[in-house]
Amino acid sequence: MLANTGFLNQMLVAGTAQTIDHFPEGTVVEVHAIRGDRQLCKRIESMGLIPGKQVKVLKNRGRGLLLKCENTRLALRLSPAFVLEAVLPDS
């Protein structure tokens, strides 16, 4: 976790897409894009992670994430074969 939140806030700008593992725990983000093979993308989308959907990062352990999407918690393991991009929603 980054201790300097001022630096973090400068790095994370609304509308700028980042991979979801760059966002700290407690951050609400909007899914921007899902990148990977078609079968994997469809599986992720079937869980409710679709572009435009807002999710909350509950835990961020580097490669492992716990996200809250509506009333569902989703545990994801990120890999080079799967990239989930997100943006800070416009306030």
PDB file of N, CA and C in Angstrom:
ATOM      1  N   MET A   1       0.834  -1.184   0.000  1.00  0.00           N
ATOM      2  CA  MET A   1       0.000   0.000   0.000  1.00  0.00           C
ATOM      3  C   MET A   1       0.877   1.246   0.000  1.00  0.00           C
ATOM      4  N   LEU A   2       0.476   2.234  -0.734  1.00  0.00           N
ATOM      5  CA  LEU A   2       1.217   3.487  -0.759  1.00  0.00           C
ATOM      6  C   LEU A   2       0.837   4.322   0.450  1.00  0.00           C
ATOM      7  N   ALA A   3       1.821   4.834   1.146  1.00  0.00           N
ATOM      8  CA  ALA A   3       1.553   5.637   2.335  1.00  0.00           C
ATOM      9  C   ALA A   3       1.230   7.075   1.965  1.00  0.00           C
ATOM     10  N   ASN A   4       1.786   7.569   0.883  1.00  0.00           N
ATOM     11  CA  ASN A   4       1.599   8.953   0.491  1.00  0.00           C
ATOM     12  C   ASN A   4       0.348   9.082  -0.368  1.00  0.00           C
ATOM     13  N   THR A   5      -0.801   9.362   0.268  1.00  0.00           N
ATOM     14  CA  THR A   5      -2.050   9.423  -0.479  1.00  0.00           C
ATOM     15  C   THR A   5      -2.120  10.626  -1.396  1.00  0.00           C
ATOM     16  N   GLY A   6      -1.393  11.696  -1.100  1.00  0.00           N
ATOM     17  CA  GLY A   6      -1.355  12.844  -2.005  1.00  0.00           C
ATOM     18  C   GLY A   6      -0.774  12.450  -3.343  1.00  0.00           C
ATOM     19  N   PHE A   7       0.307  11.679  -3.323  1.00  0.00           N
ATOM     20  CA  PHE A   7       0.916  11.190  -4.555  1.00  0.00           C
ATOM     21  C   PHE A   7      -0.046  10.260  -5.277  1.00  0.00           C
ATOM     22  N   LEU A   8      -0.716   9.399  -4.511  1.00  0.00           N
ATOM     23  CA  LEU A   8      -1.662   8.465  -5.100  1.00  0.00           C
ATOM     24  C   LEU A   8      -2.792   9.213  -5.791  1.00  0.00           C
ATOM     25  N   ASN A   9      -3.339  10.231  -5.146  1.00  0.00           N
ATOM     26  CA  ASN A   9      -4.425  10.997  -5.744  1.00  0.00           C
ATOM     27  C   ASN A   9      -3.991  11.702  -7.013  1.00  0.00           C
ATOM     28  N   GLN A  10      -2.733  12.117  -7.098  1.00  0.00           N
ATOM     29  CA  GLN A  10      -2.238  12.739  -8.320  1.00  0.00           C
ATOM     30  C   GLN A  10      -2.138  11.710  -9.437  1.00  0.00           C
ATOM     31  N   MET A  11      -1.810  10.466  -9.095  1.00  0.00           N
ATOM     32  CA  MET A  11      -1.644   9.415 -10.103  1.00  0.00           C
ATOM     33  C   MET A  11      -2.986   8.927 -10.639  1.00  0.00           C
ATOM     34  N   LEU A  12      -4.010   8.862  -9.791  1.00  0.00           N
ATOM     35  CA  LEU A  12      -5.310   8.343 -10.187  1.00  0.00           C
ATOM     36  C   LEU A  12      -6.233   9.499 -10.515  1.00  0.00           C
ATOM     37  N   VAL A  13      -6.475   9.696 -11.781  1.00  0.00           N
ATOM     38  CA  VAL A  13      -7.301  10.803 -12.251  1.00  0.00           C
ATOM     39  C   VAL A  13      -8.570  10.228 -12.860  1.00  0.00           C
ATOM     40  N   ALA A  14      -9.718  10.830 -12.552  1.00  0.00           N
ATOM     41  CA  ALA A  14     -10.982  10.359 -13.108  1.00  0.00           C
ATOM     42  C   ALA A  14     -10.903  10.314 -14.624  1.00  0.00           C
ATOM     43  N   GLY A  15     -11.345   9.210 -15.194  1.00  0.00           N
ATOM     44  CA  GLY A  15     -11.358   9.056 -16.638  1.00  0.00           C
ATOM     45  C   GLY A  15     -10.100   8.450 -17.223  1.00  0.00           C
ATOM     46  N   THR A  16      -9.042   8.268 -16.429  1.00  0.00           N
ATOM     47  CA  THR A  16      -7.794   7.679 -16.911  1.00  0.00           C
ATOM     48  C   THR A  16      -7.794   6.186 -16.582  1.00  0.00           C
ATOM     49  N   ALA A  17      -7.761   5.348 -17.612  1.00  0.00           N
ATOM     50  CA  ALA A  17      -7.823   3.896 -17.406  1.00  0.00           C
ATOM     51  C   ALA A  17      -6.507   3.366 -16.849  1.00  0.00           C
ATOM     52  N   GLN A  18      -6.628   2.507 -15.845  1.00  0.00           N
ATOM     53  CA  GLN A  18      -5.495   1.818 -15.216  1.00  0.00           C
ATOM     54  C   GLN A  18      -5.924   0.370 -15.010  1.00  0.00           C
ATOM     55  N   THR A  19      -4.963  -0.522 -14.886  1.00  0.00           N
ATOM     56  CA  THR A  19      -5.352  -1.874 -14.501  1.00  0.00           C
ATOM     57  C   THR A  19      -5.865  -1.818 -13.064  1.00  0.00           C
ATOM     58  N   ILE A  20      -6.837  -2.656 -12.769  1.00  0.00           N
ATOM     59  CA  ILE A  20      -7.553  -2.545 -11.496  1.00  0.00           C
ATOM     60  C   ILE A  20      -6.654  -2.785 -10.288  1.00  0.00           C
ATOM     61  N   ASP A  21      -5.538  -3.489 -10.470  1.00  0.00           N
ATOM     62  CA  ASP A  21      -4.636  -3.726  -9.341  1.00  0.00           C
ATOM     63  C   ASP A  21      -3.885  -2.465  -8.921  1.00  0.00           C
ATOM     64  N   HIS A  22      -3.996  -1.369  -9.660  1.00  0.00           N
ATOM     65  CA  HIS A  22      -3.367  -0.101  -9.280  1.00  0.00           C
ATOM     66  C   HIS A  22      -4.209   0.700  -8.285  1.00  0.00           C
ATOM     67  N   PHE A  23      -5.449   0.288  -8.063  1.00  0.00           N
ATOM     68  CA  PHE A  23      -6.330   1.033  -7.174  1.00  0.00           C
ATOM     69  C   PHE A  23      -6.265   0.462  -5.762  1.00  0.00           C
ATOM     70  N   PRO A  24      -6.186   1.330  -4.756  1.00  0.00           N
ATOM     71  CA  PRO A  24      -6.085   0.854  -3.371  1.00  0.00           C
ATOM     72  C   PRO A  24      -7.417   0.320  -2.842  1.00  0.00           C
ATOM     73  N   GLU A  25      -7.326  -0.427  -1.768  1.00  0.00           N
ATOM     74  CA  GLU A  25      -8.513  -0.958  -1.109  1.00  0.00           C
ATOM     75  C   GLU A  25      -9.440   0.182  -0.705  1.00  0.00           C
ATOM     76  N   GLY A  26     -10.735  -0.042  -0.874  1.00  0.00           N
ATOM     77  CA  GLY A  26     -11.732   0.957  -0.520  1.00  0.00           C
ATOM     78  C   GLY A  26     -12.125   1.875  -1.660  1.00  0.00           C
ATOM     79  N   THR A  27     -11.435   1.790  -2.785  1.00  0.00           N
ATOM     80  CA  THR A  27     -11.714   2.663  -3.919  1.00  0.00           C
ATOM     81  C   THR A  27     -12.872   2.112  -4.749  1.00  0.00           C
ATOM     82  N   VAL A  28     -13.806   2.987  -5.107  1.00  0.00           N
ATOM     83  CA  VAL A  28     -14.876   2.622  -6.035  1.00  0.00           C
ATOM     84  C   VAL A  28     -14.407   3.010  -7.426  1.00  0.00           C
ATOM     85  N   VAL A  29     -14.444   2.045  -8.337  1.00  0.00           N
ATOM     86  CA  VAL A  29     -13.987   2.272  -9.708  1.00  0.00           C
ATOM     87  C   VAL A  29     -15.067   1.828 -10.682  1.00  0.00           C
ATOM     88  N   GLU A  30     -14.910   2.266 -11.916  1.00  0.00           N
ATOM     89  CA  GLU A  30     -15.814   1.860 -12.989  1.00  0.00           C
ATOM     90  C   GLU A  30     -15.038   0.980 -13.960  1.00  0.00           C
ATOM     91  N   VAL A  31     -15.589  -0.186 -14.264  1.00  0.00           N
ATOM     92  CA  VAL A  31     -14.931  -1.089 -15.212  1.00  0.00           C
ATOM     93  C   VAL A  31     -14.870  -0.397 -16.570  1.00  0.00           C
ATOM     94  N   HIS A  32     -13.680  -0.345 -17.135  1.00  0.00           N
ATOM     95  CA  HIS A  32     -13.472   0.316 -18.428  1.00  0.00           C
ATOM     96  C   HIS A  32     -13.362  -0.704 -19.557  1.00  0.00           C
ATOM     97  N   ALA A  33     -12.566  -1.750 -19.355  1.00  0.00           N
ATOM     98  CA  ALA A  33     -12.356  -2.759 -20.396  1.00  0.00           C
ATOM     99  C   ALA A  33     -11.886  -4.062 -19.771  1.00  0.00           C
ATOM    100  N   ILE A  34     -12.200  -5.154 -20.438  1.00  0.00           N
ATOM    101  CA  ILE A  34     -11.728  -6.477 -20.047  1.00  0.00           C
ATOM    102  C   ILE A  34     -10.934  -7.012 -21.225  1.00  0.00           C
ATOM    103  N   ARG A  35      -9.692  -7.380 -20.968  1.00  0.00           N
ATOM    104  CA  ARG A  35      -8.833  -7.858 -22.046  1.00  0.00           C
ATOM    105  C   ARG A  35      -8.376  -9.284 -21.739  1.00  0.00           C
ATOM    106  N   GLY A  36      -8.461 -10.124 -22.725  1.00  0.00           N
ATOM    107  CA  GLY A  36      -8.075 -11.521 -22.591  1.00  0.00           C
ATOM    108  C   GLY A  36      -8.736 -12.313 -23.694  1.00  0.00           C
ATOM    109  N   ASP A  37      -8.628 -13.644 -23.623  1.00  0.00           N
ATOM    110  CA  ASP A  37      -9.279 -14.428 -24.676  1.00  0.00           C
ATOM    111  C   ASP A  37     -10.794 -14.345 -24.513  1.00  0.00           C
ATOM    112  N   ARG A  38     -11.496 -14.602 -25.600  1.00  0.00           N
ATOM    113  CA  ARG A  38     -12.939 -14.378 -25.630  1.00  0.00           C
ATOM    114  C   ARG A  38     -13.686 -15.191 -24.576  1.00  0.00           C
ATOM    115  N   GLN A  39     -13.307 -16.436 -24.386  1.00  0.00           N
ATOM    116  CA  GLN A  39     -13.985 -17.288 -23.408  1.00  0.00           C
ATOM    117  C   GLN A  39     -13.820 -16.736 -21.988  1.00  0.00           C
ATOM    118  N   LEU A  40     -12.622 -16.293 -21.656  1.00  0.00           N
ATOM    119  CA  LEU A  40     -12.371 -15.730 -20.332  1.00  0.00           C
ATOM    120  C   LEU A  40     -13.146 -14.431 -20.143  1.00  0.00           C
ATOM    121  N   CYS A  41     -13.158 -13.575 -21.152  1.00  0.00           N
ATOM    122  CA  CYS A  41     -13.900 -12.312 -21.060  1.00  0.00           C
ATOM    123  C   CYS A  41     -15.389 -12.570 -20.852  1.00  0.00           C
ATOM    124  N   LYS A  42     -15.945 -13.541 -21.563  1.00  0.00           N
ATOM    125  CA  LYS A  42     -17.369 -13.858 -21.398  1.00  0.00           C
ATOM    126  C   LYS A  42     -17.652 -14.369 -19.989  1.00  0.00           C
ATOM    127  N   ARG A  43     -16.744 -15.157 -19.444  1.00  0.00           N
ATOM    128  CA  ARG A  43     -16.931 -15.673 -18.081  1.00  0.00           C
ATOM    129  C   ARG A  43     -16.920 -14.531 -17.063  1.00  0.00           C
ATOM    130  N   ILE A  44     -15.980 -13.608 -17.222  1.00  0.00           N
ATOM    131  CA  ILE A  44     -15.907 -12.456 -16.320  1.00  0.00           C
ATOM    132  C   ILE A  44     -17.166 -11.600 -16.449  1.00  0.00           C
ATOM    133  N   GLU A  45     -17.609 -11.369 -17.678  1.00  0.00           N
ATOM    134  CA  GLU A  45     -18.822 -10.580 -17.901  1.00  0.00           C
ATOM    135  C   GLU A  45     -20.050 -11.264 -17.306  1.00  0.00           C
ATOM    136  N   SER A  46     -20.087 -12.600 -17.322  1.00  0.00           N
ATOM    137  CA  SER A  46     -21.229 -13.321 -16.750  1.00  0.00           C
ATOM    138  C   SER A  46     -21.316 -13.139 -15.236  1.00  0.00           C
ATOM    139  N   MET A  47     -20.211 -12.755 -14.608  1.00  0.00           N
ATOM    140  CA  MET A  47     -20.199 -12.485 -13.167  1.00  0.00           C
ATOM    141  C   MET A  47     -20.643 -11.059 -12.855  1.00  0.00           C
ATOM    142  N   GLY A  48     -20.930 -10.279 -13.889  1.00  0.00           N
ATOM    143  CA  GLY A  48     -21.401  -8.917 -13.679  1.00  0.00           C
ATOM    144  C   GLY A  48     -20.361  -7.846 -13.902  1.00  0.00           C
ATOM    145  N   LEU A  49     -19.131  -8.237 -14.180  1.00  0.00           N
ATOM    146  CA  LEU A  49     -18.080  -7.247 -14.445  1.00  0.00           C
ATOM    147  C   LEU A  49     -18.125  -6.880 -15.923  1.00  0.00           C
ATOM    148  N   ILE A  50     -18.872  -5.836 -16.223  1.00  0.00           N
ATOM    149  CA  ILE A  50     -19.007  -5.371 -17.597  1.00  0.00           C
ATOM    150  C   ILE A  50     -18.598  -3.903 -17.659  1.00  0.00           C
ATOM    151  N   PRO A  51     -18.130  -3.444 -18.806  1.00  0.00           N
ATOM    152  CA  PRO A  51     -17.759  -2.029 -18.928  1.00  0.00           C
ATOM    153  C   PRO A  51     -18.919  -1.123 -18.510  1.00  0.00           C
ATOM    154  N   GLY A  52     -18.586  -0.126 -17.702  1.00  0.00           N
ATOM    155  CA  GLY A  52     -19.570   0.812 -17.185  1.00  0.00           C
ATOM    156  C   GLY A  52     -20.049   0.486 -15.783  1.00  0.00           C
ATOM    157  N   LYS A  53     -19.844  -0.744 -15.318  1.00  0.00           N
ATOM    158  CA  LYS A  53     -20.295  -1.165 -13.989  1.00  0.00           C
ATOM    159  C   LYS A  53     -19.338  -0.641 -12.924  1.00  0.00           C
ATOM    160  N   GLN A  54     -19.887  -0.113 -11.829  1.00  0.00           N
ATOM    161  CA  GLN A  54     -19.052   0.343 -10.720  1.00  0.00           C
ATOM    162  C   GLN A  54     -18.833  -0.801  -9.741  1.00  0.00           C
ATOM    163  N   VAL A  55     -17.587  -0.943  -9.297  1.00  0.00           N
ATOM    164  CA  VAL A  55     -17.218  -1.964  -8.320  1.00  0.00           C
ATOM    165  C   VAL A  55     -16.344  -1.319  -7.251  1.00  0.00           C
ATOM    166  N   LYS A  56     -16.297  -1.948  -6.089  1.00  0.00           N
ATOM    167  CA  LYS A  56     -15.451  -1.465  -5.001  1.00  0.00           C
ATOM    168  C   LYS A  56     -14.327  -2.466  -4.781  1.00  0.00           C
ATOM    169  N   VAL A  57     -13.102  -1.966  -4.658  1.00  0.00           N
ATOM    170  CA  VAL A  57     -11.947  -2.811  -4.373  1.00  0.00           C
ATOM    171  C   VAL A  57     -11.930  -3.048  -2.860  1.00  0.00           C
ATOM    172  N   LEU A  58     -12.267  -4.271  -2.439  1.00  0.00           N
ATOM    173  CA  LEU A  58     -12.288  -4.595  -1.012  1.00  0.00           C
ATOM    174  C   LEU A  58     -10.908  -5.000  -0.514  1.00  0.00           C
ATOM    175  N   LYS A  59     -10.222  -5.821  -1.279  1.00  0.00           N
ATOM    176  CA  LYS A  59      -8.857  -6.255  -0.946  1.00  0.00           C
ATOM    177  C   LYS A  59      -8.029  -6.216  -2.213  1.00  0.00           C
ATOM    178  N   ASN A  60      -6.794  -5.758  -2.071  1.00  0.00           N
ATOM    179  CA  ASN A  60      -5.867  -5.725  -3.199  1.00  0.00           C
ATOM    180  C   ASN A  60      -4.545  -6.287  -2.707  1.00  0.00           C
ATOM    181  N   ARG A  61      -4.266  -7.501  -3.097  1.00  0.00           N
ATOM    182  CA  ARG A  61      -3.038  -8.173  -2.672  1.00  0.00           C
ATOM    183  C   ARG A  61      -2.120  -8.419  -3.863  1.00  0.00           C
ATOM    184  N   GLY A  62      -2.046  -7.434  -4.753  1.00  0.00           N
ATOM    185  CA  GLY A  62      -1.183  -7.581  -5.923  1.00  0.00           C
ATOM    186  C   GLY A  62      -1.857  -8.386  -7.009  1.00  0.00           C
ATOM    187  N   ARG A  63      -1.641  -9.684  -7.006  1.00  0.00           N
ATOM    188  CA  ARG A  63      -2.260 -10.536  -8.027  1.00  0.00           C
ATOM    189  C   ARG A  63      -3.656 -10.999  -7.638  1.00  0.00           C
ATOM    190  N   GLY A  64      -3.997 -10.920  -6.364  1.00  0.00           N
ATOM    191  CA  GLY A  64      -5.315 -11.342  -5.913  1.00  0.00           C
ATOM    192  C   GLY A  64      -6.156 -10.146  -5.515  1.00  0.00           C
ATOM    193  N   LEU A  65      -7.396 -10.123  -5.984  1.00  0.00           N
ATOM    194  CA  LEU A  65      -8.299  -9.019  -5.686  1.00  0.00           C
ATOM    195  C   LEU A  65      -9.614  -9.555  -5.146  1.00  0.00           C
ATOM    196  N   LEU A  66     -10.218  -8.806  -4.242  1.00  0.00           N
ATOM    197  CA  LEU A  66     -11.577  -9.067  -3.805  1.00  0.00           C
ATOM    198  C   LEU A  66     -12.367  -7.820  -4.156  1.00  0.00           C
ATOM    199  N   LEU A  67     -13.374  -7.989  -5.003  1.00  0.00           N
ATOM    200  CA  LEU A  67     -14.176  -6.870  -5.475  1.00  0.00           C
ATOM    201  C   LEU A  67     -15.612  -7.046  -5.019  1.00  0.00           C
ATOM    202  N   LYS A  68     -16.306  -5.924  -4.831  1.00  0.00           N
ATOM    203  CA  LYS A  68     -17.736  -5.961  -4.552  1.00  0.00           C
ATOM    204  C   LYS A  68     -18.444  -5.365  -5.755  1.00  0.00           C
ATOM    205  N   CYS A  69     -19.308  -6.155  -6.360  1.00  0.00           N
ATOM    206  CA  CYS A  69     -20.077  -5.740  -7.530  1.00  0.00           C
ATOM    207  C   CYS A  69     -21.545  -5.899  -7.162  1.00  0.00           C
ATOM    208  N   GLU A  70     -22.227  -4.791  -6.927  1.00  0.00           N
ATOM    209  CA  GLU A  70     -23.585  -4.777  -6.402  1.00  0.00           C
ATOM    210  C   GLU A  70     -23.592  -5.520  -5.070  1.00  0.00           C
ATOM    211  N   ASN A  71     -24.318  -6.615  -4.934  1.00  0.00           N
ATOM    212  CA  ASN A  71     -24.371  -7.351  -3.661  1.00  0.00           C
ATOM    213  C   ASN A  71     -23.514  -8.609  -3.674  1.00  0.00           C
ATOM    214  N   THR A  72     -22.591  -8.694  -4.627  1.00  0.00           N
ATOM    215  CA  THR A  72     -21.768  -9.891  -4.794  1.00  0.00           C
ATOM    216  C   THR A  72     -20.304  -9.573  -4.569  1.00  0.00           C
ATOM    217  N   ARG A  73     -19.605 -10.468  -3.874  1.00  0.00           N
ATOM    218  CA  ARG A  73     -18.152 -10.351  -3.731  1.00  0.00           C
ATOM    219  C   ARG A  73     -17.501 -11.310  -4.711  1.00  0.00           C
ATOM    220  N   LEU A  74     -16.518 -10.797  -5.440  1.00  0.00           N
ATOM    221  CA  LEU A  74     -15.820 -11.589  -6.445  1.00  0.00           C
ATOM    222  C   LEU A  74     -14.340 -11.630  -6.122  1.00  0.00           C
ATOM    223  N   ALA A  75     -13.780 -12.828  -6.046  1.00  0.00           N
ATOM    224  CA  ALA A  75     -12.341 -12.992  -5.851  1.00  0.00           C
ATOM    225  C   ALA A  75     -11.729 -13.284  -7.213  1.00  0.00           C
ATOM    226  N   LEU A  76     -10.746 -12.480  -7.598  1.00  0.00           N
ATOM    227  CA  LEU A  76     -10.094 -12.636  -8.899  1.00  0.00           C
ATOM    228  C   LEU A  76      -8.598 -12.763  -8.722  1.00  0.00           C
ATOM    229  N   ARG A  77      -8.012 -13.591  -9.541  1.00  0.00           N
ATOM    230  CA  ARG A  77      -6.560 -13.686  -9.609  1.00  0.00           C
ATOM    231  C   ARG A  77      -6.159 -13.155 -10.976  1.00  0.00           C
ATOM    232  N   LEU A  78      -5.388 -12.087 -10.985  1.00  0.00           N
ATOM    233  CA  LEU A  78      -4.975 -11.477 -12.241  1.00  0.00           C
ATOM    234  C   LEU A  78      -3.752 -12.191 -12.786  1.00  0.00           C
ATOM    235  N   SER A  79      -3.639 -12.182 -14.093  1.00  0.00           N
ATOM    236  CA  SER A  79      -2.495 -12.800 -14.756  1.00  0.00           C
ATOM    237  C   SER A  79      -2.238 -12.044 -16.052  1.00  0.00           C
ATOM    238  N   PRO A  80      -1.100 -12.288 -16.696  1.00  0.00           N
ATOM    239  CA  PRO A  80      -0.847 -11.627 -17.979  1.00  0.00           C
ATOM    240  C   PRO A  80      -1.897 -11.972 -19.042  1.00  0.00           C
ATOM    241  N   ALA A  81      -2.597 -13.101 -18.881  1.00  0.00           N
ATOM    242  CA  ALA A  81      -3.616 -13.504 -19.848  1.00  0.00           C
ATOM    243  C   ALA A  81      -4.940 -12.774 -19.634  1.00  0.00           C
ATOM    244  N   PHE A  82      -5.069 -12.062 -18.515  1.00  0.00           N
ATOM    245  CA  PHE A  82      -6.328 -11.407 -18.175  1.00  0.00           C
ATOM    246  C   PHE A  82      -6.040 -10.034 -17.591  1.00  0.00           C
ATOM    247  N   VAL A  83      -6.590  -9.016 -18.202  1.00  0.00           N
ATOM    248  CA  VAL A  83      -6.395  -7.650 -17.726  1.00  0.00           C
ATOM    249  C   VAL A  83      -7.766  -7.001 -17.561  1.00  0.00           C
ATOM    250  N   LEU A  84      -8.003  -6.434 -16.391  1.00  0.00           N
ATOM    251  CA  LEU A  84      -9.227  -5.702 -16.109  1.00  0.00           C
ATOM    252  C   LEU A  84      -8.839  -4.247 -15.905  1.00  0.00           C
ATOM    253  N   GLU A  85      -9.283  -3.385 -16.812  1.00  0.00           N
ATOM    254  CA  GLU A  85      -8.980  -1.957 -16.711  1.00  0.00           C
ATOM    255  C   GLU A  85     -10.161  -1.238 -16.085  1.00  0.00           C
ATOM    256  N   ALA A  86      -9.851  -0.220 -15.277  1.00  0.00           N
ATOM    257  CA  ALA A  86     -10.888   0.543 -14.599  1.00  0.00           C
ATOM    258  C   ALA A  86     -10.497   2.010 -14.564  1.00  0.00           C
ATOM    259  N   VAL A  87     -11.485   2.847 -14.291  1.00  0.00           N
ATOM    260  CA  VAL A  87     -11.276   4.288 -14.144  1.00  0.00           C
ATOM    261  C   VAL A  87     -11.989   4.740 -12.881  1.00  0.00           C
ATOM    262  N   LEU A  88     -11.547   5.874 -12.348  1.00  0.00           N
ATOM    263  CA  LEU A  88     -12.296   6.494 -11.263  1.00  0.00           C
ATOM    264  C   LEU A  88     -13.544   7.102 -11.876  1.00  0.00           C
ATOM    265  N   PRO A  89     -14.711   6.860 -11.284  1.00  0.00           N
ATOM    266  CA  PRO A  89     -15.929   7.428 -11.865  1.00  0.00           C
ATOM    267  C   PRO A  89     -15.945   8.941 -11.717  1.00  0.00           C
ATOM    268  N   ASP A  90     -16.604   9.600 -12.660  1.00  0.00           N
ATOM    269  CA  ASP A  90     -16.773  11.049 -12.553  1.00  0.00           C
ATOM    270  C   ASP A  90     -17.680  11.333 -11.375  1.00  0.00           C
ATOM    271  N   SER A  91     -17.294  12.291 -10.544  1.00  0.00           N
ATOM    272  CA  SER A  91     -18.086  12.589  -9.344  1.00  0.00           C
ATOM    273  C   SER A  91     -19.231  13.500  -9.643  1.00  0.00           C
TER     274      SER A  91
END
